[in-house]
Amino acid sequence: MKTQTSKTKYSSYIFRFLVCFIVPIIGLIYIFVNRRKWSKLDITFYLLIALTNLSLTITVTFFTRDFWIISIHNLICFIICIVFILCKRRSK
């Protein structure tokens, strides 16, 4: 029974992450609709992902589509997420 609940919990985390990563505007709406059900750390993490990818979307749409800017932005987003996850694990 534990494996089923952990699998569904893990799949819901993956679903939230992908929604916030691929479609950040819908991810933000999803976060604000479900913010009372989640912990503060989960809300902060998904907001972090959604907002950094929303800034990438705005940059690509209005300013430039240069490969290096997009690559640097994705690298910064990755580093921010890793640092947040490591800090979250240390606090537990």
PDB file of N, CA and C in Angstrom:
ATOM      1  N   MET A   1       0.813  -1.190   0.000  1.00  0.00           N
ATOM      2  CA  MET A   1       0.000   0.000   0.000  1.00  0.00           C
ATOM      3  C   MET A   1       0.861   1.261   0.000  1.00  0.00           C
ATOM      4  N   LYS A   2       1.998   1.220   0.687  1.00  0.00           N
ATOM      5  CA  LYS A   2       2.854   2.399   0.729  1.00  0.00           C
ATOM      6  C   LYS A   2       3.442   2.732  -0.634  1.00  0.00           C
ATOM      7  N   THR A   3       3.740   1.715  -1.431  1.00  0.00           N
ATOM      8  CA  THR A   3       4.342   1.986  -2.731  1.00  0.00           C
ATOM      9  C   THR A   3       3.359   2.692  -3.653  1.00  0.00           C
ATOM     10  N   GLN A   4       2.084   2.343  -3.549  1.00  0.00           N
ATOM     11  CA  GLN A   4       1.104   3.021  -4.393  1.00  0.00           C
ATOM     12  C   GLN A   4       0.972   4.489  -4.014  1.00  0.00           C
ATOM     13  N   THR A   5       0.899   4.777  -2.733  1.00  0.00           N
ATOM     14  CA  THR A   5       0.745   6.170  -2.334  1.00  0.00           C
ATOM     15  C   THR A   5       2.007   6.967  -2.630  1.00  0.00           C
ATOM     16  N   SER A   6       3.174   6.352  -2.461  1.00  0.00           N
ATOM     17  CA  SER A   6       4.402   7.087  -2.767  1.00  0.00           C
ATOM     18  C   SER A   6       4.539   7.311  -4.269  1.00  0.00           C
ATOM     19  N   LYS A   7       4.072   6.339  -5.071  1.00  0.00           N
ATOM     20  CA  LYS A   7       4.119   6.530  -6.523  1.00  0.00           C
ATOM     21  C   LYS A   7       3.170   7.637  -6.961  1.00  0.00           C
ATOM     22  N   THR A   8       1.980   7.677  -6.393  1.00  0.00           N
ATOM     23  CA  THR A   8       1.043   8.731  -6.779  1.00  0.00           C
ATOM     24  C   THR A   8       1.533  10.092  -6.296  1.00  0.00           C
ATOM     25  N   LYS A   9       2.162  10.121  -5.111  1.00  0.00           N
ATOM     26  CA  LYS A   9       2.712  11.377  -4.616  1.00  0.00           C
ATOM     27  C   LYS A   9       3.855  11.846  -5.505  1.00  0.00           C
ATOM     28  N   TYR A  10       4.719  10.916  -5.889  1.00  0.00           N
ATOM     29  CA  TYR A  10       5.835  11.253  -6.762  1.00  0.00           C
ATOM     30  C   TYR A  10       5.333  11.716  -8.124  1.00  0.00           C
ATOM     31  N   SER A  11       4.322  11.050  -8.668  1.00  0.00           N
ATOM     32  CA  SER A  11       3.797  11.456  -9.972  1.00  0.00           C
ATOM     33  C   SER A  11       3.111  12.819  -9.895  1.00  0.00           C
ATOM     34  N   SER A  12       2.501  13.139  -8.764  1.00  0.00           N
ATOM     35  CA  SER A  12       1.909  14.472  -8.642  1.00  0.00           C
ATOM     36  C   SER A  12       2.993  15.542  -8.564  1.00  0.00           C
ATOM     37  N   TYR A  13       4.132  15.232  -7.903  1.00  0.00           N
ATOM     38  CA  TYR A  13       5.256  16.177  -7.890  1.00  0.00           C
ATOM     39  C   TYR A  13       5.804  16.389  -9.294  1.00  0.00           C
ATOM     40  N   ILE A  14       5.936  15.314 -10.046  1.00  0.00           N
ATOM     41  CA  ILE A  14       6.435  15.420 -11.421  1.00  0.00           C
ATOM     42  C   ILE A  14       5.459  16.222 -12.274  1.00  0.00           C
ATOM     43  N   PHE A  15       4.165  15.975 -12.112  1.00  0.00           N
ATOM     44  CA  PHE A  15       3.160  16.723 -12.872  1.00  0.00           C
ATOM     45  C   PHE A  15       3.239  18.213 -12.566  1.00  0.00           C
ATOM     46  N   ARG A  16       3.321  18.566 -11.280  1.00  0.00           N
ATOM     47  CA  ARG A  16       3.421  19.979 -10.899  1.00  0.00           C
ATOM     48  C   ARG A  16       4.675  20.618 -11.477  1.00  0.00           C
ATOM     49  N   PHE A  17       5.790  19.903 -11.374  1.00  0.00           N
ATOM     50  CA  PHE A  17       7.047  20.438 -11.882  1.00  0.00           C
ATOM     51  C   PHE A  17       6.965  20.678 -13.385  1.00  0.00           C
ATOM     52  N   LEU A  18       6.433  19.710 -14.128  1.00  0.00           N
ATOM     53  CA  LEU A  18       6.356  19.853 -15.583  1.00  0.00           C
ATOM     54  C   LEU A  18       5.407  20.973 -15.994  1.00  0.00           C
ATOM     55  N   VAL A  19       4.296  21.110 -15.291  1.00  0.00           N
ATOM     56  CA  VAL A  19       3.377  22.202 -15.619  1.00  0.00           C
ATOM     57  C   VAL A  19       4.047  23.548 -15.370  1.00  0.00           C
ATOM     58  N   CYS A  20       4.752  23.676 -14.255  1.00  0.00           N
ATOM     59  CA  CYS A  20       5.432  24.944 -13.951  1.00  0.00           C
ATOM     60  C   CYS A  20       6.610  25.187 -14.881  1.00  0.00           C
ATOM     61  N   PHE A  21       7.235  24.129 -15.357  1.00  0.00           N
ATOM     62  CA  PHE A  21       8.409  24.282 -16.207  1.00  0.00           C
ATOM     63  C   PHE A  21       8.033  24.545 -17.662  1.00  0.00           C
ATOM     64  N   ILE A  22       7.061  23.808 -18.186  1.00  0.00           N
ATOM     65  CA  ILE A  22       6.722  23.910 -19.610  1.00  0.00           C
ATOM     66  C   ILE A  22       5.776  25.076 -19.881  1.00  0.00           C
ATOM     67  N   VAL A  23       4.730  25.198 -19.079  1.00  0.00           N
ATOM     68  CA  VAL A  23       3.735  26.259 -19.288  1.00  0.00           C
ATOM     69  C   VAL A  23       3.642  27.069 -17.992  1.00  0.00           C
ATOM     70  N   PRO A  24       4.526  28.050 -17.808  1.00  0.00           N
ATOM     71  CA  PRO A  24       4.600  28.726 -16.507  1.00  0.00           C
ATOM     72  C   PRO A  24       3.358  29.523 -16.123  1.00  0.00           C
ATOM     73  N   ILE A  25       2.627  30.051 -17.077  1.00  0.00           N
ATOM     74  CA  ILE A  25       1.432  30.832 -16.729  1.00  0.00           C
ATOM     75  C   ILE A  25       0.353  29.917 -16.159  1.00  0.00           C
ATOM     76  N   ILE A  26       0.136  28.784 -16.785  1.00  0.00           N
ATOM     77  CA  ILE A  26      -0.828  27.817 -16.259  1.00  0.00           C
ATOM     78  C   ILE A  26      -0.323  27.250 -14.936  1.00  0.00           C
ATOM     79  N   GLY A  27       0.990  27.079 -14.820  1.00  0.00           N
ATOM     80  CA  GLY A  27       1.572  26.623 -13.561  1.00  0.00           C
ATOM     81  C   GLY A  27       1.320  27.600 -12.426  1.00  0.00           C
ATOM     82  N   LEU A  28       1.438  28.900 -12.705  1.00  0.00           N
ATOM     83  CA  LEU A  28       1.152  29.905 -11.675  1.00  0.00           C
ATOM     84  C   LEU A  28      -0.312  29.859 -11.241  1.00  0.00           C
ATOM     85  N   ILE A  29      -1.212  29.707 -12.200  1.00  0.00           N
ATOM     86  CA  ILE A  29      -2.636  29.597 -11.866  1.00  0.00           C
ATOM     87  C   ILE A  29      -2.880  28.353 -11.022  1.00  0.00           C
ATOM     88  N   TYR A  30      -2.255  27.242 -11.396  1.00  0.00           N
ATOM     89  CA  TYR A  30      -2.395  25.982 -10.659  1.00  0.00           C
ATOM     90  C   TYR A  30      -1.850  26.120  -9.234  1.00  0.00           C
ATOM     91  N   ILE A  31      -0.749  26.840  -9.086  1.00  0.00           N
ATOM     92  CA  ILE A  31      -0.169  27.058  -7.757  1.00  0.00           C
ATOM     93  C   ILE A  31      -1.119  27.882  -6.892  1.00  0.00           C
ATOM     94  N   PHE A  32      -1.654  28.966  -7.436  1.00  0.00           N
ATOM     95  CA  PHE A  32      -2.509  29.833  -6.635  1.00  0.00           C
ATOM     96  C   PHE A  32      -3.856  29.190  -6.318  1.00  0.00           C
ATOM     97  N   VAL A  33      -4.325  28.291  -7.162  1.00  0.00           N
ATOM     98  CA  VAL A  33      -5.568  27.588  -6.862  1.00  0.00           C
ATOM     99  C   VAL A  33      -5.361  26.597  -5.712  1.00  0.00           C
ATOM    100  N   ASN A  34      -4.216  25.921  -5.695  1.00  0.00           N
ATOM    101  CA  ASN A  34      -3.967  24.872  -4.703  1.00  0.00           C
ATOM    102  C   ASN A  34      -3.052  25.302  -3.561  1.00  0.00           C
ATOM    103  N   ARG A  35      -2.874  26.573  -3.343  1.00  0.00           N
ATOM    104  CA  ARG A  35      -1.888  27.018  -2.356  1.00  0.00           C
ATOM    105  C   ARG A  35      -2.265  26.666  -0.921  1.00  0.00           C
ATOM    106  N   ARG A  36      -3.512  26.467  -0.613  1.00  0.00           N
ATOM    107  CA  ARG A  36      -3.903  26.122   0.754  1.00  0.00           C
ATOM    108  C   ARG A  36      -3.686  24.641   1.060  1.00  0.00           C
ATOM    109  N   LYS A  37      -3.544  23.819   0.037  1.00  0.00           N
ATOM    110  CA  LYS A  37      -3.359  22.377   0.231  1.00  0.00           C
ATOM    111  C   LYS A  37      -1.897  21.989   0.402  1.00  0.00           C
ATOM    112  N   TRP A  38      -0.984  22.830  -0.030  1.00  0.00           N
ATOM    113  CA  TRP A  38       0.439  22.488  -0.039  1.00  0.00           C
ATOM    114  C   TRP A  38       1.166  23.183   1.092  1.00  0.00           C
ATOM    115  N   SER A  39       2.368  22.689   1.375  1.00  0.00           N
ATOM    116  CA  SER A  39       3.203  23.338   2.387  1.00  0.00           C
ATOM    117  C   SER A  39       3.849  24.591   1.788  1.00  0.00           C
ATOM    118  N   LYS A  40       4.369  25.428   2.657  1.00  0.00           N
ATOM    119  CA  LYS A  40       5.011  26.677   2.206  1.00  0.00           C
ATOM    120  C   LYS A  40       6.233  26.397   1.344  1.00  0.00           C
ATOM    121  N   LEU A  41       6.989  25.350   1.681  1.00  0.00           N
ATOM    122  CA  LEU A  41       8.182  25.030   0.894  1.00  0.00           C
ATOM    123  C   LEU A  41       7.815  24.571  -0.514  1.00  0.00           C
ATOM    124  N   ASP A  42       6.751  23.779  -0.636  1.00  0.00           N
ATOM    125  CA  ASP A  42       6.316  23.351  -1.968  1.00  0.00           C
ATOM    126  C   ASP A  42       5.851  24.541  -2.800  1.00  0.00           C
ATOM    127  N   ILE A  43       5.083  25.417  -2.186  1.00  0.00           N
ATOM    128  CA  ILE A  43       4.606  26.603  -2.903  1.00  0.00           C
ATOM    129  C   ILE A  43       5.784  27.452  -3.365  1.00  0.00           C
ATOM    130  N   THR A  44       6.755  27.646  -2.483  1.00  0.00           N
ATOM    131  CA  THR A  44       7.926  28.452  -2.829  1.00  0.00           C
ATOM    132  C   THR A  44       8.715  27.823  -3.962  1.00  0.00           C
ATOM    133  N   PHE A  45       8.895  26.512  -3.906  1.00  0.00           N
ATOM    134  CA  PHE A  45       9.659  25.822  -4.944  1.00  0.00           C
ATOM    135  C   PHE A  45       8.975  25.926  -6.302  1.00  0.00           C
ATOM    136  N   TYR A  46       7.681  25.661  -6.349  1.00  0.00           N
ATOM    137  CA  TYR A  46       6.983  25.712  -7.632  1.00  0.00           C
ATOM    138  C   TYR A  46       6.839  27.148  -8.148  1.00  0.00           C
ATOM    139  N   LEU A  47       6.694  28.109  -7.242  1.00  0.00           N
ATOM    140  CA  LEU A  47       6.703  29.511  -7.673  1.00  0.00           C
ATOM    141  C   LEU A  47       8.054  29.895  -8.256  1.00  0.00           C
ATOM    142  N   LEU A  48       9.115  29.406  -7.652  1.00  0.00           N
ATOM    143  CA  LEU A  48      10.459  29.672  -8.151  1.00  0.00           C
ATOM    144  C   LEU A  48      10.625  29.148  -9.573  1.00  0.00           C
ATOM    145  N   ILE A  49      10.195  27.931  -9.804  1.00  0.00           N
ATOM    146  CA  ILE A  49      10.309  27.338 -11.141  1.00  0.00           C
ATOM    147  C   ILE A  49       9.446  28.096 -12.138  1.00  0.00           C
ATOM    148  N   ALA A  50       8.196  28.350 -11.761  1.00  0.00           N
ATOM    149  CA  ALA A  50       7.274  29.008 -12.690  1.00  0.00           C
ATOM    150  C   ALA A  50       7.720  30.433 -13.019  1.00  0.00           C
ATOM    151  N   LEU A  51       8.181  31.173 -12.030  1.00  0.00           N
ATOM    152  CA  LEU A  51       8.580  32.559 -12.284  1.00  0.00           C
ATOM    153  C   LEU A  51       9.868  32.656 -13.087  1.00  0.00           C
ATOM    154  N   THR A  52      10.829  31.771 -12.842  1.00  0.00           N
ATOM    155  CA  THR A  52      12.053  31.828 -13.645  1.00  0.00           C
ATOM    156  C   THR A  52      11.771  31.450 -15.089  1.00  0.00           C
ATOM    157  N   ASN A  53      10.900  30.488 -15.309  1.00  0.00           N
ATOM    158  CA  ASN A  53      10.577  30.133 -16.690  1.00  0.00           C
ATOM    159  C   ASN A  53       9.658  31.155 -17.344  1.00  0.00           C
ATOM    160  N   LEU A  54       8.851  31.842 -16.558  1.00  0.00           N
ATOM    161  CA  LEU A  54       8.059  32.936 -17.113  1.00  0.00           C
ATOM    162  C   LEU A  54       8.967  34.076 -17.559  1.00  0.00           C
ATOM    163  N   SER A  55      10.011  34.343 -16.790  1.00  0.00           N
ATOM    164  CA  SER A  55      10.951  35.386 -17.216  1.00  0.00           C
ATOM    165  C   SER A  55      11.677  34.978 -18.493  1.00  0.00           C
ATOM    166  N   LEU A  56      11.973  33.690 -18.641  1.00  0.00           N
ATOM    167  CA  LEU A  56      12.572  33.216 -19.896  1.00  0.00           C
ATOM    168  C   LEU A  56      11.599  33.388 -21.058  1.00  0.00           C
ATOM    169  N   THR A  57      10.340  33.068 -20.834  1.00  0.00           N
ATOM    170  CA  THR A  57       9.336  33.222 -21.884  1.00  0.00           C
ATOM    171  C   THR A  57       9.210  34.683 -22.307  1.00  0.00           C
ATOM    172  N   ILE A  58       9.192  35.584 -21.351  1.00  0.00           N
ATOM    173  CA  ILE A  58       9.100  37.013 -21.668  1.00  0.00           C
ATOM    174  C   ILE A  58      10.339  37.485 -22.408  1.00  0.00           C
ATOM    175  N   THR A  59      11.510  37.026 -21.976  1.00  0.00           N
ATOM    176  CA  THR A  59      12.757  37.411 -22.644  1.00  0.00           C
ATOM    177  C   THR A  59      12.774  36.945 -24.088  1.00  0.00           C
ATOM    178  N   VAL A  60      12.395  35.706 -24.321  1.00  0.00           N
ATOM    179  CA  VAL A  60      12.413  35.162 -25.682  1.00  0.00           C
ATOM    180  C   VAL A  60      11.356  35.832 -26.549  1.00  0.00           C
ATOM    181  N   THR A  61      10.198  36.112 -25.984  1.00  0.00           N
ATOM    182  CA  THR A  61       9.115  36.690 -26.769  1.00  0.00           C
ATOM    183  C   THR A  61       9.396  38.135 -27.171  1.00  0.00           C
ATOM    184  N   PHE A  62       9.866  38.940 -26.245  1.00  0.00           N
ATOM    185  CA  PHE A  62       9.962  40.369 -26.506  1.00  0.00           C
ATOM    186  C   PHE A  62      11.360  40.882 -26.814  1.00  0.00           C
ATOM    187  N   PHE A  63      12.396  40.245 -26.320  1.00  0.00           N
ATOM    188  CA  PHE A  63      13.728  40.824 -26.455  1.00  0.00           C
ATOM    189  C   PHE A  63      14.606  40.113 -27.473  1.00  0.00           C
ATOM    190  N   THR A  64      14.974  38.881 -27.207  1.00  0.00           N
ATOM    191  CA  THR A  64      15.919  38.210 -28.087  1.00  0.00           C
ATOM    192  C   THR A  64      15.692  36.705 -28.071  1.00  0.00           C
ATOM    193  N   ARG A  65      16.184  36.071 -29.106  1.00  0.00           N
ATOM    194  CA  ARG A  65      16.150  34.617 -29.169  1.00  0.00           C
ATOM    195  C   ARG A  65      17.557  34.064 -29.313  1.00  0.00           C
ATOM    196  N   ASP A  66      18.494  34.778 -28.767  1.00  0.00           N
ATOM    197  CA  ASP A  66      19.885  34.376 -28.846  1.00  0.00           C
ATOM    198  C   ASP A  66      20.104  33.093 -28.038  1.00  0.00           C
ATOM    199  N   PHE A  67      20.843  32.172 -28.618  1.00  0.00           N
ATOM    200  CA  PHE A  67      21.074  30.869 -27.997  1.00  0.00           C
ATOM    201  C   PHE A  67      21.780  31.005 -26.658  1.00  0.00           C
ATOM    202  N   TRP A  68      22.763  31.881 -26.577  1.00  0.00           N
ATOM    203  CA  TRP A  68      23.562  31.990 -25.358  1.00  0.00           C
ATOM    204  C   TRP A  68      22.763  32.584 -24.210  1.00  0.00           C
ATOM    205  N   ILE A  69      21.894  33.510 -24.494  1.00  0.00           N
ATOM    206  CA  ILE A  69      21.070  34.093 -23.434  1.00  0.00           C
ATOM    207  C   ILE A  69      20.116  33.049 -22.875  1.00  0.00           C
ATOM    208  N   ILE A  70      19.526  32.265 -23.755  1.00  0.00           N
ATOM    209  CA  ILE A  70      18.621  31.213 -23.306  1.00  0.00           C
ATOM    210  C   ILE A  70      19.382  30.148 -22.521  1.00  0.00           C
ATOM    211  N   SER A  71      20.568  29.793 -22.987  1.00  0.00           N
ATOM    212  CA  SER A  71      21.373  28.787 -22.285  1.00  0.00           C
ATOM    213  C   SER A  71      21.792  29.272 -20.904  1.00  0.00           C
ATOM    214  N   ILE A  72      22.230  30.515 -20.815  1.00  0.00           N
ATOM    215  CA  ILE A  72      22.634  31.071 -19.519  1.00  0.00           C
ATOM    216  C   ILE A  72      21.434  31.169 -18.582  1.00  0.00           C
ATOM    217  N   HIS A  73      20.294  31.546 -19.115  1.00  0.00           N
ATOM    218  CA  HIS A  73      19.088  31.640 -18.296  1.00  0.00           C
ATOM    219  C   HIS A  73      18.697  30.272 -17.755  1.00  0.00           C
ATOM    220  N   ASN A  74      18.735  29.248 -18.593  1.00  0.00           N
ATOM    221  CA  ASN A  74      18.408  27.901 -18.130  1.00  0.00           C
ATOM    222  C   ASN A  74      19.414  27.407 -17.100  1.00  0.00           C
ATOM    223  N   LEU A  75      20.672  27.734 -17.277  1.00  0.00           N
ATOM    224  CA  LEU A  75      21.695  27.350 -16.310  1.00  0.00           C
ATOM    225  C   LEU A  75      21.455  28.033 -14.963  1.00  0.00           C
ATOM    226  N   ILE A  76      21.119  29.309 -14.984  1.00  0.00           N
ATOM    227  CA  ILE A  76      20.822  30.028 -13.743  1.00  0.00           C
ATOM    228  C   ILE A  76      19.592  29.438 -13.058  1.00  0.00           C
ATOM    229  N   CYS A  77      18.572  29.117 -13.836  1.00  0.00           N
ATOM    230  CA  CYS A  77      17.365  28.495 -13.289  1.00  0.00           C
ATOM    231  C   CYS A  77      17.699  27.156 -12.641  1.00  0.00           C
ATOM    232  N   PHE A  78      18.521  26.367 -13.296  1.00  0.00           N
ATOM    233  CA  PHE A  78      18.924  25.068 -12.764  1.00  0.00           C
ATOM    234  C   PHE A  78      19.696  25.231 -11.458  1.00  0.00           C
ATOM    235  N   ILE A  79      20.610  26.172 -11.407  1.00  0.00           N
ATOM    236  CA  ILE A  79      21.410  26.398 -10.199  1.00  0.00           C
ATOM    237  C   ILE A  79      20.525  26.866  -9.046  1.00  0.00           C
ATOM    238  N   ILE A  80      19.590  27.760  -9.324  1.00  0.00           N
ATOM    239  CA  ILE A  80      18.686  28.247  -8.282  1.00  0.00           C
ATOM    240  C   ILE A  80      17.849  27.102  -7.720  1.00  0.00           C
ATOM    241  N   CYS A  81      17.327  26.251  -8.593  1.00  0.00           N
ATOM    242  CA  CYS A  81      16.512  25.121  -8.133  1.00  0.00           C
ATOM    243  C   CYS A  81      17.336  24.142  -7.306  1.00  0.00           C
ATOM    244  N   ILE A  82      18.565  23.859  -7.733  1.00  0.00           N
ATOM    245  CA  ILE A  82      19.419  22.932  -6.986  1.00  0.00           C
ATOM    246  C   ILE A  82      19.761  23.505  -5.613  1.00  0.00           C
ATOM    247  N   VAL A  83      20.094  24.778  -5.548  1.00  0.00           N
ATOM    248  CA  VAL A  83      20.414  25.405  -4.259  1.00  0.00           C
ATOM    249  C   VAL A  83      19.201  25.376  -3.337  1.00  0.00           C
ATOM    250  N   PHE A  84      18.018  25.638  -3.883  1.00  0.00           N
ATOM    251  CA  PHE A  84      16.810  25.612  -3.067  1.00  0.00           C
ATOM    252  C   PHE A  84      16.548  24.211  -2.529  1.00  0.00           C
ATOM    253  N   ILE A  85      16.703  23.196  -3.368  1.00  0.00           N
ATOM    254  CA  ILE A  85      16.483  21.816  -2.931  1.00  0.00           C
ATOM    255  C   ILE A  85      17.490  21.427  -1.858  1.00  0.00           C
ATOM    256  N   LEU A  86      18.748  21.798  -2.039  1.00  0.00           N
ATOM    257  CA  LEU A  86      19.762  21.463  -1.038  1.00  0.00           C
ATOM    258  C   LEU A  86      19.496  22.168   0.291  1.00  0.00           C
ATOM    259  N   CYS A  87      19.086  23.411   0.245  1.00  0.00           N
ATOM    260  CA  CYS A  87      18.757  24.130   1.482  1.00  0.00           C
ATOM    261  C   CYS A  87      17.533  23.527   2.161  1.00  0.00           C
ATOM    262  N   LYS A  88      16.578  23.080   1.359  1.00  0.00           N
ATOM    263  CA  LYS A  88      15.379  22.466   1.909  1.00  0.00           C
ATOM    264  C   LYS A  88      15.722  21.149   2.600  1.00  0.00           C
ATOM    265  N   ARG A  89      16.616  20.370   2.017  1.00  0.00           N
ATOM    266  CA  ARG A  89      17.018  19.105   2.638  1.00  0.00           C
ATOM    267  C   ARG A  89      17.812  19.334   3.914  1.00  0.00           C
ATOM    268  N   ARG A  90      18.625  20.361   3.943  1.00  0.00           N
ATOM    269  CA  ARG A  90      19.402  20.653   5.156  1.00  0.00           C
ATOM    270  C   ARG A  90      18.509  21.082   6.306  1.00  0.00           C
ATOM    271  N   SER A  91      17.445  21.795   5.997  1.00  0.00           N
ATOM    272  CA  SER A  91      16.577  22.297   7.060  1.00  0.00           C
ATOM    273  C   SER A  91      15.743  21.192   7.700  1.00  0.00           C
ATOM    274  N   LYS A  92      15.587  20.065   7.020  1.00  0.00           N
ATOM    275  CA  LYS A  92      14.805  18.957   7.595  1.00  0.00           C
ATOM    276  C   LYS A  92      15.603  18.172   8.534  1.00  0.00           C
TER     277      LYS A  92
END
